[in-house]
Amino acid sequence: MAGFGTGSARTLAAVELENAPQGLQHEHETLFTADSVCFLAELISTFDKQVDEILRHRVARKMELEQTGGLPGFSSLTSHLREDRTWRVLPVPERLQNRHVDIGDLAPSDTERFIQALRSKAQGIQVDFDDGNCPTYSNQIKGIFNVCKAVRNQFQGVPPISKAPVLMLRPRAWNMVEHNMMVNGKEVPGPLFDFGLLMYHNGKLLVENKSGPFFYLSKVESYLEARLWNNIFIWTEQKLGLPACSIKATVLIESILATFEMDEILFELRDHTAGLNCGIWDYSASFVNKLGDRSAFLLPDRSKYVNMEKLFLQSYMDLLVQTCHRRGALATGGMAALLLPNDTQSAHYHSVMATVTRQGGGTMLEINAGVDGFMVYDLKLIEPLQKLFQKHTLGPNQLHILREDVVVTPEDLLAMPSGGVTLHGLRYNIAVGILFIEAWLTGRGHFFYRGQVEDSATAEISRSQVWQWIRHQVKLEDDDRAISRSLVKSLVEEIRRELQDFLQCNTEKAKQRLATATAMFLEVVQKRDFPEFFTTYLNLDHTFLSSST
């Protein structure tokens, strides 16, 4: 571990940085120059206490809900912001005005896929250090280095950054810690580590090319967190000598609490925002996170009863579109996770396309709601969905659709869909949870299962539902058995044997890794107190720490 003494007359930070991961010595030395470490240390020293404050605020809000039995709602303290129809965010930069189709869940450490995305016809790339990424030291260093190469046009056969799909950089969420760097004796917040390195090395070049810097902000829960990010943006622009308001961020509304503060979040970021984004699974899991102990908020089988057509999710999307367009911000939808087969003439291909684009749901539901774009994982979906957007909309976005017809009440946003739990749904959630842990133990942030991509968002809702169903002893629709620890344990063992074949575990090491993932999944769904975030739980676990580099 390398030690540094760095800082200015105003602040002196003691820095400890782990040595380069194996095979990444050049990348590590390129990223961690004396000046970049100094900048990173000062960024972290300046905002570390505020990060701790917002995390404590999260805990306090959850405790208040639990102790009072209260419900989330629109705050009377900020009603003047919601009722004032005159304020707007700064105009969206030219390069962000068309966001029809972005590529989602792209971990930039996957160099081959990153290059394919840069060569694609997508409008943007969600360069993901969060949901679709496993935050090993190697992945973070390689991923940030690959972003630097892309910005400098160092990948062969890739358009210059001003012509390539725009990079939407997604640092880790506030709940994540970077274990390989310490500042003033503390491990550093993961998002500041990612954001600081990305900005120091790429901010000026992105501004010069009118291509950023643009960000996605994950798992923001309140306008106070948006205010913190805005302060970080202002500080960074001043430190790096960038034009004011050059950083733009799209906030992912992934928490039921944030849904009641969307106007306030946009107001706090009004000089630095590009808009808001909605995604179904992290958002659904937040109900279990905040209200899961209450039987009134029992979330039914997601594989059968939870989709964007349900009142609580459609209300959330309609309100997000209305809020954004009223303020001049873009509203983007979730990610199409299905994978297209290569044979474009096959019945399976047409079936997948019909599912993705169906009129009553899928991407057409989002287009009809007024979204300005959405994400895909499969690059083969880019052009079909761009054509769908062009066919059913006018111009580069739908900012002109103000959705004045929308009236959303707190009751709408908190209305749980009816339905029970199927054995298939329980087994599916168990399998996704186990496979996600197994993927993390091999350094991967996402995996493919049953024709679609799965990541931390789907793993989050999967483990949340199993925990909640055990807690409330929900009965299966199939045979009226109550979901209990013993039932889940027996199913887990069956599924482990099936997954051993699915993963082709041909070595003892692979079999042991799957057994470890199975044990960790069982542990997390049996906890007396619900672990706030699946990724936090894994990121702090000795098994993951000892297996990651």
Protein backbone atom coordinates (compact mmCIF):
# COMPACT_ATOMS: atom_id res chain seq x y z
CA MET A 1 0.00 0.00 0.00
CA ALA A 2 1.39 3.36 -1.05
CA GLY A 3 1.17 6.29 1.36
CA PHE A 4 0.85 9.95 0.41
CA GLY A 5 0.80 13.22 2.26
CA THR A 6 -1.15 15.61 0.10
CA GLY A 7 -3.22 18.75 0.25
CA SER A 8 -3.06 22.51 0.47
CA ALA A 9 -2.70 25.11 3.19
CA ARG A 10 -6.44 24.78 3.81
CA THR A 11 -6.52 20.99 4.09
CA LEU A 12 -3.91 18.32 4.58
CA ALA A 13 -5.06 14.80 3.77
CA ALA A 14 -3.26 11.58 4.58
CA VAL A 15 -3.80 9.10 1.75
CA GLU A 16 -3.20 5.37 1.59
CA LEU A 17 -3.68 3.69 -1.78
CA GLU A 18 -3.42 0.01 -2.55
CA ASN A 19 -0.86 -1.07 -5.12
CA ALA A 20 -1.90 -1.83 -8.67
CA PRO A 21 -3.97 -4.96 -9.31
CA GLN A 22 -2.05 -7.64 -11.15
CA GLY A 23 -1.58 -6.78 -14.82
CA LEU A 24 -2.79 -3.18 -14.43
CA GLN A 25 0.41 -1.41 -13.38
CA HIS A 26 0.40 0.96 -16.36
CA GLU A 27 -3.29 1.82 -15.94
CA HIS A 28 -2.83 2.40 -12.20
CA GLU A 29 0.16 4.68 -12.69
CA THR A 30 -1.67 6.63 -15.38
CA LEU A 31 -4.71 7.26 -13.20
CA PHE A 32 -2.99 7.88 -9.87
CA THR A 33 -0.55 10.67 -10.58
CA ALA A 34 0.54 12.93 -7.74
CA ASP A 35 -1.83 15.67 -8.95
CA SER A 36 -4.83 13.37 -9.43
CA VAL A 37 -4.36 11.85 -5.97
CA CYS A 38 -4.15 15.36 -4.50
CA PHE A 39 -7.39 16.35 -6.26
CA LEU A 40 -9.13 13.14 -5.21
CA ALA A 41 -8.03 13.49 -1.60
CA GLU A 42 -9.21 17.08 -1.39
CA LEU A 43 -12.56 16.19 -2.97
CA ILE A 44 -13.07 13.41 -0.44
CA SER A 45 -11.87 15.48 2.52
CA THR A 46 -14.20 18.30 1.58
CA PHE A 47 -17.36 16.21 1.30
CA ASP A 48 -16.76 13.14 3.47
CA LYS A 49 -18.68 14.47 6.49
CA GLN A 50 -21.61 15.46 4.29
CA VAL A 51 -21.75 11.95 2.85
CA ASP A 52 -21.95 10.57 6.38
CA GLU A 53 -24.71 13.07 7.17
CA ILE A 54 -26.92 12.02 4.26
CA LEU A 55 -26.44 8.33 5.13
CA ARG A 56 -27.47 9.08 8.73
CA HIS A 57 -30.44 11.01 7.36
CA ARG A 58 -31.51 7.91 5.43
CA VAL A 59 -31.41 5.83 8.60
CA ALA A 60 -33.36 8.47 10.53
CA ARG A 61 -36.09 8.66 7.88
CA LYS A 62 -36.52 4.90 7.85
CA MET A 63 -36.62 4.76 11.66
CA GLU A 64 -39.23 7.52 11.74
CA LEU A 65 -41.45 5.58 9.34
CA GLU A 66 -41.07 2.44 11.43
CA GLN A 67 -41.64 4.10 14.79
CA THR A 68 -44.60 6.24 13.77
CA GLY A 69 -46.21 3.88 11.28
CA GLY A 70 -46.31 6.85 8.96
CA LEU A 71 -46.25 6.81 5.17
CA PRO A 72 -44.13 8.68 2.65
CA GLY A 73 -45.80 11.78 1.26
CA PHE A 74 -45.35 15.17 -0.34
CA SER A 75 -43.76 17.54 2.19
CA SER A 76 -45.62 20.71 3.15
CA LEU A 77 -42.24 22.37 3.77
CA THR A 78 -41.43 22.32 0.05
CA SER A 79 -44.94 22.74 -1.35
CA HIS A 80 -44.03 26.20 -2.66
CA LEU A 81 -41.48 24.63 -5.04
CA ARG A 82 -44.01 22.15 -6.39
CA GLU A 83 -46.74 24.76 -6.78
CA ASP A 84 -44.55 27.37 -8.48
CA ARG A 85 -44.98 26.64 -12.19
CA THR A 86 -42.50 29.30 -13.32
CA TRP A 87 -39.08 27.82 -12.57
CA ARG A 88 -37.20 25.68 -15.09
CA VAL A 89 -33.93 23.82 -15.22
CA LEU A 90 -31.25 25.12 -17.55
CA PRO A 91 -31.80 24.00 -21.17
CA VAL A 92 -30.58 20.50 -21.97
CA PRO A 93 -27.25 20.55 -23.90
CA GLU A 94 -27.47 19.82 -27.60
CA ARG A 95 -25.78 16.43 -27.31
CA LEU A 96 -28.42 15.27 -24.82
CA GLN A 97 -31.52 16.49 -26.63
CA ASN A 98 -31.98 13.16 -28.41
CA ARG A 99 -31.87 10.31 -25.88
CA HIS A 100 -34.08 7.83 -27.74
CA VAL A 101 -31.99 4.72 -27.06
CA ASP A 102 -29.08 4.37 -24.66
CA ILE A 103 -27.16 1.18 -24.03
CA GLY A 104 -27.58 0.23 -20.37
CA ASP A 105 -25.67 -1.84 -17.83
CA LEU A 106 -22.38 -1.46 -19.69
CA ALA A 107 -19.50 -2.16 -17.32
CA PRO A 108 -16.58 -0.33 -19.01
CA SER A 109 -14.07 -2.91 -17.78
CA ASP A 110 -15.54 -5.15 -20.50
CA THR A 111 -13.34 -3.61 -23.19
CA GLU A 112 -14.78 -5.56 -26.12
CA ARG A 113 -18.39 -4.67 -25.35
CA PHE A 114 -17.42 -1.06 -24.60
CA ILE A 115 -15.83 -0.75 -28.06
CA GLN A 116 -18.89 -2.34 -29.69
CA ALA A 117 -21.09 0.20 -27.93
CA LEU A 118 -18.89 3.11 -29.04
CA ARG A 119 -19.23 1.89 -32.62
CA SER A 120 -23.01 1.49 -32.37
CA LYS A 121 -25.77 3.84 -33.48
CA ALA A 122 -27.10 4.33 -29.95
CA GLN A 123 -27.59 7.89 -28.76
CA GLY A 124 -25.77 7.19 -25.51
CA ILE A 125 -24.00 4.65 -23.32
CA GLN A 126 -24.69 4.17 -19.64
CA VAL A 127 -21.08 3.68 -18.57
CA ASP A 128 -21.97 1.72 -15.47
CA PHE A 129 -19.83 1.50 -12.34
CA ASP A 130 -22.97 0.65 -10.34
CA ASP A 131 -25.76 -1.87 -11.08
CA GLY A 132 -24.14 -3.74 -13.97
CA ASN A 133 -20.61 -3.67 -12.55
CA CYS A 134 -18.83 -5.66 -9.87
CA PRO A 135 -16.62 -3.15 -8.00
CA THR A 136 -13.40 -5.08 -7.72
CA TYR A 137 -10.29 -2.92 -7.74
CA SER A 138 -9.37 -4.35 -11.13
CA ASN A 139 -12.76 -3.52 -12.61
CA GLN A 140 -12.72 0.06 -11.31
CA ILE A 141 -9.18 0.77 -12.56
CA LYS A 142 -9.69 -0.90 -15.92
CA GLY A 143 -13.11 0.70 -16.41
CA ILE A 144 -11.99 4.25 -15.62
CA PHE A 145 -8.89 3.78 -17.77
CA ASN A 146 -11.08 2.61 -20.68
CA VAL A 147 -13.21 5.75 -20.34
CA CYS A 148 -10.01 7.81 -20.57
CA LYS A 149 -9.03 5.95 -23.75
CA ALA A 150 -12.47 6.50 -25.29
CA VAL A 151 -12.41 10.24 -24.53
CA ARG A 152 -8.94 10.45 -26.14
CA ASN A 153 -9.99 8.47 -29.24
CA GLN A 154 -7.48 5.71 -28.50
CA PHE A 155 -9.67 2.76 -29.52
CA GLN A 156 -9.12 1.70 -33.12
CA GLY A 157 -12.13 2.00 -35.41
CA VAL A 158 -14.15 4.06 -32.94
CA PRO A 159 -15.56 7.50 -33.86
CA PRO A 160 -14.12 10.54 -32.06
CA ILE A 161 -15.82 11.27 -28.76
CA SER A 162 -17.76 14.17 -30.32
CA LYS A 163 -19.38 11.73 -32.78
CA ALA A 164 -19.60 8.51 -30.74
CA PRO A 165 -22.62 7.78 -28.52
CA VAL A 166 -22.50 10.19 -25.60
CA LEU A 167 -21.00 8.78 -22.39
CA MET A 168 -23.42 8.83 -19.44
CA LEU A 169 -21.02 8.06 -16.59
CA ARG A 170 -22.63 6.27 -13.65
CA PRO A 171 -20.53 6.22 -10.47
CA ARG A 172 -21.42 3.95 -7.60
CA ALA A 173 -24.25 4.90 -5.25
CA TRP A 174 -23.76 6.47 -1.81
CA ASN A 175 -24.09 3.14 -0.04
CA MET A 176 -20.89 1.80 -1.65
CA VAL A 177 -17.39 2.09 -0.18
CA GLU A 178 -14.06 1.89 -2.00
CA HIS A 179 -11.87 -0.40 0.10
CA ASN A 180 -8.60 0.25 -1.73
CA MET A 181 -8.14 3.89 -0.82
CA MET A 182 -8.13 5.56 2.59
CA VAL A 183 -8.17 9.29 3.26
CA ASN A 184 -7.51 10.49 6.79
CA GLY A 185 -7.78 6.95 8.12
CA LYS A 186 -11.15 6.12 6.51
CA GLU A 187 -12.12 4.06 3.50
CA VAL A 188 -13.54 6.45 0.92
CA PRO A 189 -17.05 6.78 -0.51
CA GLY A 190 -17.23 4.76 -3.74
CA PRO A 191 -19.05 7.45 -5.77
CA LEU A 192 -16.48 10.13 -4.91
CA PHE A 193 -13.63 7.79 -5.91
CA ASP A 194 -15.29 7.10 -9.29
CA PHE A 195 -16.51 10.65 -9.92
CA GLY A 196 -13.22 12.25 -8.90
CA LEU A 197 -11.03 10.15 -11.17
CA LEU A 198 -13.45 10.39 -14.10
CA MET A 199 -13.66 14.18 -13.78
CA TYR A 200 -9.97 14.84 -13.17
CA HIS A 201 -8.85 12.90 -16.24
CA ASN A 202 -11.74 13.58 -18.63
CA GLY A 203 -13.74 16.64 -17.57
CA LYS A 204 -11.88 19.25 -19.60
CA LEU A 205 -11.67 17.12 -22.76
CA LEU A 206 -15.38 16.31 -22.60
CA VAL A 207 -16.24 20.01 -22.28
CA GLU A 208 -13.96 20.91 -25.20
CA ASN A 209 -15.72 18.31 -27.35
CA LYS A 210 -19.19 19.41 -26.20
CA SER A 211 -19.72 15.84 -25.04
CA GLY A 212 -20.07 16.14 -21.30
CA PRO A 213 -19.23 15.56 -18.60
CA PHE A 214 -22.61 13.82 -18.19
CA PHE A 215 -23.56 11.54 -15.32
CA TYR A 216 -26.20 9.17 -14.01
CA LEU A 217 -26.74 9.45 -10.24
CA SER A 218 -27.91 6.20 -8.64
CA LYS A 219 -30.24 5.61 -5.69
CA VAL A 220 -30.76 9.23 -4.69
CA GLU A 221 -33.38 9.26 -1.92
CA SER A 222 -33.96 12.94 -1.16
CA TYR A 223 -33.45 16.50 -2.34
CA LEU A 224 -30.73 16.83 0.32
CA GLU A 225 -28.71 14.23 -1.56
CA ALA A 226 -29.33 16.13 -4.80
CA ARG A 227 -28.10 19.29 -3.04
CA LEU A 228 -24.92 17.48 -2.01
CA TRP A 229 -24.27 16.36 -5.58
CA ASN A 230 -24.88 19.90 -6.82
CA ASN A 231 -22.33 21.24 -4.33
CA ILE A 232 -19.85 18.60 -5.49
CA PHE A 233 -20.40 19.64 -9.11
CA ILE A 234 -19.85 23.34 -8.34
CA TRP A 235 -16.70 22.60 -6.31
CA THR A 236 -15.32 20.36 -9.06
CA GLU A 237 -15.99 22.83 -11.86
CA GLN A 238 -14.17 25.53 -9.91
CA LYS A 239 -11.22 23.28 -8.98
CA LEU A 240 -10.73 22.06 -12.54
CA GLY A 241 -11.34 25.43 -14.18
CA LEU A 242 -14.41 24.23 -16.09
CA PRO A 243 -17.28 26.47 -17.19
CA ALA A 244 -20.02 26.81 -14.60
CA CYS A 245 -22.95 24.42 -15.11
CA SER A 246 -21.00 22.22 -17.54
CA ILE A 247 -21.64 19.01 -15.55
CA LYS A 248 -25.08 17.54 -16.22
CA ALA A 249 -26.67 14.65 -14.36
CA THR A 250 -29.67 12.41 -14.84
CA VAL A 251 -31.01 11.25 -11.48
CA LEU A 252 -32.33 7.71 -11.26
CA ILE A 253 -35.51 7.72 -9.18
CA GLU A 254 -35.10 4.32 -7.57
CA SER A 255 -36.69 4.94 -4.17
CA ILE A 256 -40.30 5.47 -3.15
CA LEU A 257 -39.07 8.34 -0.95
CA ALA A 258 -37.50 10.15 -3.91
CA THR A 259 -40.75 9.91 -5.88
CA PHE A 260 -42.35 12.37 -3.49
CA GLU A 261 -39.43 14.81 -3.98
CA MET A 262 -38.89 14.85 -7.75
CA ASP A 263 -39.62 18.57 -8.11
CA GLU A 264 -37.30 19.30 -5.20
CA ILE A 265 -34.53 17.11 -6.67
CA LEU A 266 -34.75 18.91 -10.00
CA PHE A 267 -34.76 22.29 -8.24
CA GLU A 268 -31.59 21.51 -6.30
CA LEU A 269 -29.87 20.41 -9.52
CA ARG A 270 -31.54 22.97 -11.78
CA ASP A 271 -28.20 24.22 -13.14
CA HIS A 272 -26.72 20.74 -13.45
CA THR A 273 -29.50 18.37 -14.44
CA ALA A 274 -30.46 16.64 -17.66
CA GLY A 275 -33.54 14.98 -16.15
CA LEU A 276 -34.84 11.98 -14.26
CA ASN A 277 -34.99 8.26 -15.01
CA CYS A 278 -37.35 5.54 -13.84
CA GLY A 279 -36.52 1.85 -13.47
CA ILE A 280 -38.88 -0.81 -12.25
CA TRP A 281 -36.90 -3.21 -10.04
CA ASP A 282 -34.83 -1.05 -7.71
CA TYR A 283 -37.92 1.09 -7.26
CA SER A 284 -40.12 -1.89 -6.42
CA ALA A 285 -37.49 -3.22 -4.01
CA SER A 286 -37.49 0.13 -2.19
CA PHE A 287 -41.01 -0.64 -0.94
CA VAL A 288 -39.67 -3.71 0.85
CA ASN A 289 -36.67 -1.70 2.04
CA LYS A 290 -38.75 1.08 3.61
CA LEU A 291 -42.10 -0.56 4.35
CA GLY A 292 -41.55 -4.31 4.03
CA ASP A 293 -42.39 -5.17 7.65
CA ARG A 294 -45.99 -4.10 7.06
CA SER A 295 -48.40 -6.63 5.58
CA ALA A 296 -50.18 -3.81 3.73
CA PHE A 297 -47.06 -3.44 1.58
CA LEU A 298 -46.61 -7.08 0.68
CA LEU A 299 -45.29 -7.11 -2.88
CA PRO A 300 -46.67 -10.03 -4.91
CA ASP A 301 -44.81 -12.30 -7.32
CA ARG A 302 -42.88 -9.98 -9.65
CA SER A 303 -42.79 -12.58 -12.42
CA LYS A 304 -46.59 -12.60 -12.60
CA TYR A 305 -48.07 -9.49 -10.97
CA VAL A 306 -45.53 -6.63 -11.12
CA ASN A 307 -45.07 -4.62 -14.32
CA MET A 308 -45.32 -1.02 -15.53
CA GLU A 309 -49.05 -1.40 -16.17
CA LYS A 310 -49.77 -1.65 -12.43
CA LEU A 311 -51.13 1.49 -10.79
CA PHE A 312 -48.21 2.18 -8.45
CA LEU A 313 -45.63 1.93 -11.25
CA GLN A 314 -47.65 3.65 -13.96
CA SER A 315 -48.41 6.51 -11.55
CA TYR A 316 -44.70 6.80 -10.78
CA MET A 317 -43.78 6.97 -14.46
CA ASP A 318 -46.59 9.41 -15.33
CA LEU A 319 -45.63 11.71 -12.46
CA LEU A 320 -41.95 11.55 -13.43
CA VAL A 321 -42.73 12.53 -17.05
CA GLN A 322 -45.06 15.32 -15.97
CA THR A 323 -42.56 16.69 -13.44
CA CYS A 324 -39.64 16.62 -15.86
CA HIS A 325 -41.41 18.15 -18.85
CA ARG A 326 -43.01 20.86 -16.75
CA ARG A 327 -39.48 21.90 -15.72
CA GLY A 328 -37.81 21.47 -19.13
CA ALA A 329 -35.95 18.29 -18.17
CA LEU A 330 -35.83 14.97 -20.00
CA ALA A 331 -37.68 11.92 -18.66
CA THR A 332 -36.13 8.58 -19.53
CA GLY A 333 -37.47 5.09 -18.93
CA GLY A 334 -36.03 1.79 -17.86
CA MET A 335 -34.02 -0.85 -19.66
CA ALA A 336 -35.29 -3.56 -22.00
CA ALA A 337 -33.44 -6.55 -20.56
CA LEU A 338 -34.52 -9.19 -23.06
CA LEU A 339 -31.94 -10.65 -25.45
CA LEU A 340 -32.70 -11.10 -29.14
CA PRO A 341 -31.69 -14.37 -30.82
CA ASN A 342 -29.37 -14.05 -33.81
CA ASP A 343 -31.83 -15.62 -36.27
CA THR A 344 -34.03 -12.69 -37.30
CA GLN A 345 -36.42 -15.04 -39.11
CA SER A 346 -37.08 -17.32 -36.15
CA ALA A 347 -40.35 -17.41 -34.22
CA HIS A 348 -38.37 -16.76 -31.04
CA TYR A 349 -36.95 -13.53 -32.48
CA HIS A 350 -40.40 -12.25 -33.39
CA SER A 351 -41.75 -13.29 -30.02
CA VAL A 352 -39.09 -11.30 -28.16
CA MET A 353 -39.63 -8.26 -30.38
CA ALA A 354 -43.38 -8.44 -29.80
CA THR A 355 -42.83 -8.58 -26.04
CA VAL A 356 -40.48 -5.59 -26.04
CA THR A 357 -42.67 -3.39 -28.26
CA ARG A 358 -46.23 -4.51 -27.47
CA GLN A 359 -48.80 -1.73 -27.57
CA GLY A 360 -50.22 -2.24 -24.07
CA GLY A 361 -46.86 -2.44 -22.32
CA GLY A 362 -43.14 -2.60 -22.87
CA THR A 363 -41.52 0.30 -24.67
CA MET A 364 -44.76 1.44 -26.31
CA LEU A 365 -46.29 2.04 -22.91
CA GLU A 366 -43.34 4.28 -22.05
CA ILE A 367 -43.49 6.12 -25.40
CA ASN A 368 -47.22 6.74 -24.96
CA ALA A 369 -46.53 8.02 -21.43
CA GLY A 370 -44.22 10.65 -22.94
CA VAL A 371 -40.74 9.41 -22.11
CA ASP A 372 -37.87 10.89 -24.11
CA GLY A 373 -35.94 7.63 -24.35
CA PHE A 374 -35.06 4.36 -22.71
CA MET A 375 -32.25 1.85 -22.47
CA VAL A 376 -31.50 -1.55 -23.99
CA TYR A 377 -28.90 -4.12 -23.08
CA ASP A 378 -28.81 -6.03 -26.36
CA LEU A 379 -27.16 -3.92 -29.07
CA LYS A 380 -29.38 -5.65 -31.66
CA LEU A 381 -32.37 -3.83 -30.15
CA ILE A 382 -30.95 -0.35 -30.80
CA GLU A 383 -32.12 0.20 -34.36
CA PRO A 384 -35.56 -1.46 -34.04
CA LEU A 385 -36.40 0.66 -31.02
CA GLN A 386 -35.03 3.83 -32.61
CA LYS A 387 -37.38 3.19 -35.54
CA LEU A 388 -40.24 2.62 -33.11
CA PHE A 389 -39.50 5.96 -31.46
CA GLN A 390 -39.30 7.75 -34.80
CA LYS A 391 -42.57 6.20 -35.94
CA HIS A 392 -44.57 7.19 -32.87
CA THR A 393 -43.02 10.53 -31.85
CA LEU A 394 -42.12 13.87 -33.35
CA GLY A 395 -38.63 15.31 -33.08
CA PRO A 396 -35.67 14.34 -30.90
CA ASN A 397 -37.67 14.24 -27.64
CA GLN A 398 -41.15 14.61 -26.17
CA LEU A 399 -40.59 17.70 -24.01
CA HIS A 400 -43.67 19.24 -25.63
CA ILE A 401 -45.88 16.57 -24.05
CA LEU A 402 -46.63 18.14 -20.68
CA ARG A 403 -49.04 15.46 -19.39
CA GLU A 404 -51.42 18.00 -17.89
CA ASP A 405 -53.92 15.13 -17.75
CA VAL A 406 -51.93 13.45 -14.97
CA VAL A 407 -53.21 13.67 -11.41
CA VAL A 408 -51.28 11.38 -9.09
CA THR A 409 -52.11 10.99 -5.41
CA PRO A 410 -50.00 9.50 -2.62
CA GLU A 411 -52.49 6.65 -2.54
CA ASP A 412 -51.79 5.89 -6.22
CA LEU A 413 -48.04 5.77 -5.61
CA LEU A 414 -48.44 3.51 -2.57
CA ALA A 415 -51.07 1.14 -4.02
CA MET A 416 -49.67 -2.38 -3.94
CA PRO A 417 -50.81 -4.58 -6.82
CA SER A 418 -53.05 -7.52 -5.93
CA GLY A 419 -51.79 -11.05 -6.37
CA GLY A 420 -50.03 -13.85 -4.57
CA VAL A 421 -46.87 -15.87 -4.94
CA THR A 422 -46.27 -18.79 -7.27
CA LEU A 423 -43.76 -21.57 -6.77
CA HIS A 424 -42.25 -20.55 -10.11
CA GLY A 425 -41.82 -16.96 -8.89
CA LEU A 426 -40.22 -18.06 -5.63
CA ARG A 427 -37.82 -20.38 -7.42
CA TYR A 428 -36.98 -17.71 -10.00
CA ASN A 429 -36.15 -15.15 -7.32
CA ILE A 430 -33.95 -17.66 -5.48
CA ALA A 431 -32.08 -18.54 -8.67
CA VAL A 432 -31.47 -14.89 -9.62
CA GLY A 433 -30.22 -14.07 -6.11
CA ILE A 434 -27.80 -17.00 -6.03
CA LEU A 435 -26.53 -16.38 -9.56
CA PHE A 436 -25.88 -12.71 -8.78
CA ILE A 437 -23.72 -13.59 -5.80
CA GLU A 438 -21.91 -16.23 -7.84
CA ALA A 439 -21.28 -13.62 -10.55
CA TRP A 440 -19.87 -11.18 -7.98
CA LEU A 441 -17.53 -13.85 -6.64
CA THR A 442 -16.10 -14.14 -10.16
CA GLY A 443 -15.86 -10.35 -10.63
CA ARG A 444 -18.93 -9.89 -12.86
CA GLY A 445 -21.75 -7.44 -12.15
CA HIS A 446 -24.39 -9.02 -14.38
CA PHE A 447 -25.22 -12.35 -15.97
CA PHE A 448 -27.64 -13.94 -18.45
CA TYR A 449 -30.51 -16.16 -17.38
CA ARG A 450 -33.56 -17.37 -19.26
CA GLY A 451 -33.13 -15.03 -22.21
CA GLN A 452 -32.40 -11.77 -20.45
CA VAL A 453 -29.71 -9.88 -18.58
CA GLU A 454 -29.88 -9.76 -14.78
CA ASP A 455 -27.98 -7.30 -12.59
CA SER A 456 -28.01 -5.87 -9.07
CA ALA A 457 -31.45 -4.31 -9.62
CA THR A 458 -33.11 -7.65 -10.36
CA ALA A 459 -31.06 -9.33 -7.64
CA GLU A 460 -32.23 -6.62 -5.24
CA ILE A 461 -35.92 -7.22 -5.89
CA SER A 462 -35.39 -11.00 -5.87
CA ARG A 463 -33.77 -11.22 -2.44
CA SER A 464 -36.16 -8.54 -1.10
CA GLN A 465 -39.20 -10.54 -2.07
CA VAL A 466 -37.92 -13.81 -0.61
CA TRP A 467 -37.11 -12.03 2.67
CA GLN A 468 -40.55 -10.40 2.77
CA TRP A 469 -42.43 -13.59 1.89
CA ILE A 470 -40.67 -15.46 4.71
CA ARG A 471 -41.36 -12.57 7.11
CA HIS A 472 -45.10 -12.62 6.35
CA GLN A 473 -45.34 -16.41 5.87
CA VAL A 474 -47.11 -15.93 2.56
CA LYS A 475 -48.91 -18.95 1.13
CA LEU A 476 -48.16 -20.29 -2.33
CA GLU A 477 -50.92 -20.12 -4.91
CA ASP A 478 -49.91 -23.57 -6.16
CA ASP A 479 -50.48 -25.71 -3.08
CA ASP A 480 -51.22 -23.41 -0.13
CA ARG A 481 -47.86 -24.08 1.55
CA ALA A 482 -46.60 -21.24 3.70
CA ILE A 483 -43.26 -19.78 2.65
CA SER A 484 -40.95 -20.50 5.57
CA ARG A 485 -37.25 -20.75 6.18
CA SER A 486 -37.38 -24.54 5.90
CA LEU A 487 -39.24 -24.40 2.58
CA VAL A 488 -36.78 -21.86 1.17
CA LYS A 489 -33.82 -23.93 2.37
CA SER A 490 -35.14 -27.05 0.64
CA LEU A 491 -35.79 -25.12 -2.58
CA VAL A 492 -32.37 -23.52 -2.41
CA GLU A 493 -30.72 -26.93 -2.31
CA GLU A 494 -32.76 -28.13 -5.31
CA ILE A 495 -31.94 -24.98 -7.26
CA ARG A 496 -28.24 -25.20 -6.36
CA ARG A 497 -28.09 -28.60 -8.06
CA GLU A 498 -29.87 -27.22 -11.14
CA LEU A 499 -27.58 -24.20 -11.29
CA GLN A 500 -24.53 -26.43 -11.06
CA ASP A 501 -25.52 -27.81 -14.46
CA PHE A 502 -26.57 -24.38 -15.78
CA LEU A 503 -23.18 -22.89 -14.87
CA GLN A 504 -21.31 -26.01 -16.00
CA CYS A 505 -19.46 -26.27 -12.70
CA ASN A 506 -16.91 -28.84 -13.79
CA THR A 507 -14.27 -28.10 -11.19
CA GLU A 508 -14.28 -28.32 -7.41
CA LYS A 509 -13.49 -24.61 -7.24
CA ALA A 510 -16.57 -23.75 -9.32
CA LYS A 511 -18.77 -26.05 -7.25
CA GLN A 512 -17.47 -24.52 -4.03
CA ARG A 513 -18.06 -21.00 -5.32
CA LEU A 514 -21.68 -21.88 -6.11
CA ALA A 515 -22.08 -23.48 -2.66
CA THR A 516 -20.70 -20.31 -1.08
CA ALA A 517 -23.11 -18.14 -3.11
CA THR A 518 -25.99 -20.37 -2.02
CA ALA A 519 -25.04 -20.08 1.65
CA MET A 520 -24.68 -16.30 1.40
CA PHE A 521 -28.10 -15.99 -0.24
CA LEU A 522 -29.72 -18.04 2.51
CA GLU A 523 -28.02 -15.90 5.10
CA VAL A 524 -29.27 -12.61 3.68
CA VAL A 525 -32.93 -13.68 3.27
CA GLN A 526 -33.08 -14.94 6.86
CA LYS A 527 -31.78 -11.77 8.53
CA ARG A 528 -33.94 -10.43 11.36
CA ASP A 529 -33.33 -6.89 10.12
CA PHE A 530 -33.55 -6.29 6.39
CA PRO A 531 -30.10 -5.43 4.93
CA GLU A 532 -30.56 -2.02 3.33
CA PHE A 533 -28.79 -2.82 0.05
CA PHE A 534 -27.78 -6.19 -1.34
CA THR A 535 -24.62 -4.70 -2.86
CA THR A 536 -23.59 -3.13 0.47
CA TYR A 537 -24.03 -6.47 2.19
CA LEU A 538 -21.89 -8.23 -0.41
CA ASN A 539 -19.31 -5.45 -0.65
CA LEU A 540 -18.64 -5.69 3.09
CA ASP A 541 -18.61 -9.50 3.25
CA HIS A 542 -15.29 -11.22 3.92
CA THR A 543 -15.97 -13.83 1.24
CA PHE A 544 -16.24 -11.18 -1.48
CA LEU A 545 -13.36 -9.11 -0.13
CA SER A 546 -11.04 -12.10 -0.06
CA SER A 547 -12.02 -13.19 -3.57
CA SER A 548 -11.84 -9.78 -5.30
CA THR A 549 -8.79 -7.95 -6.59
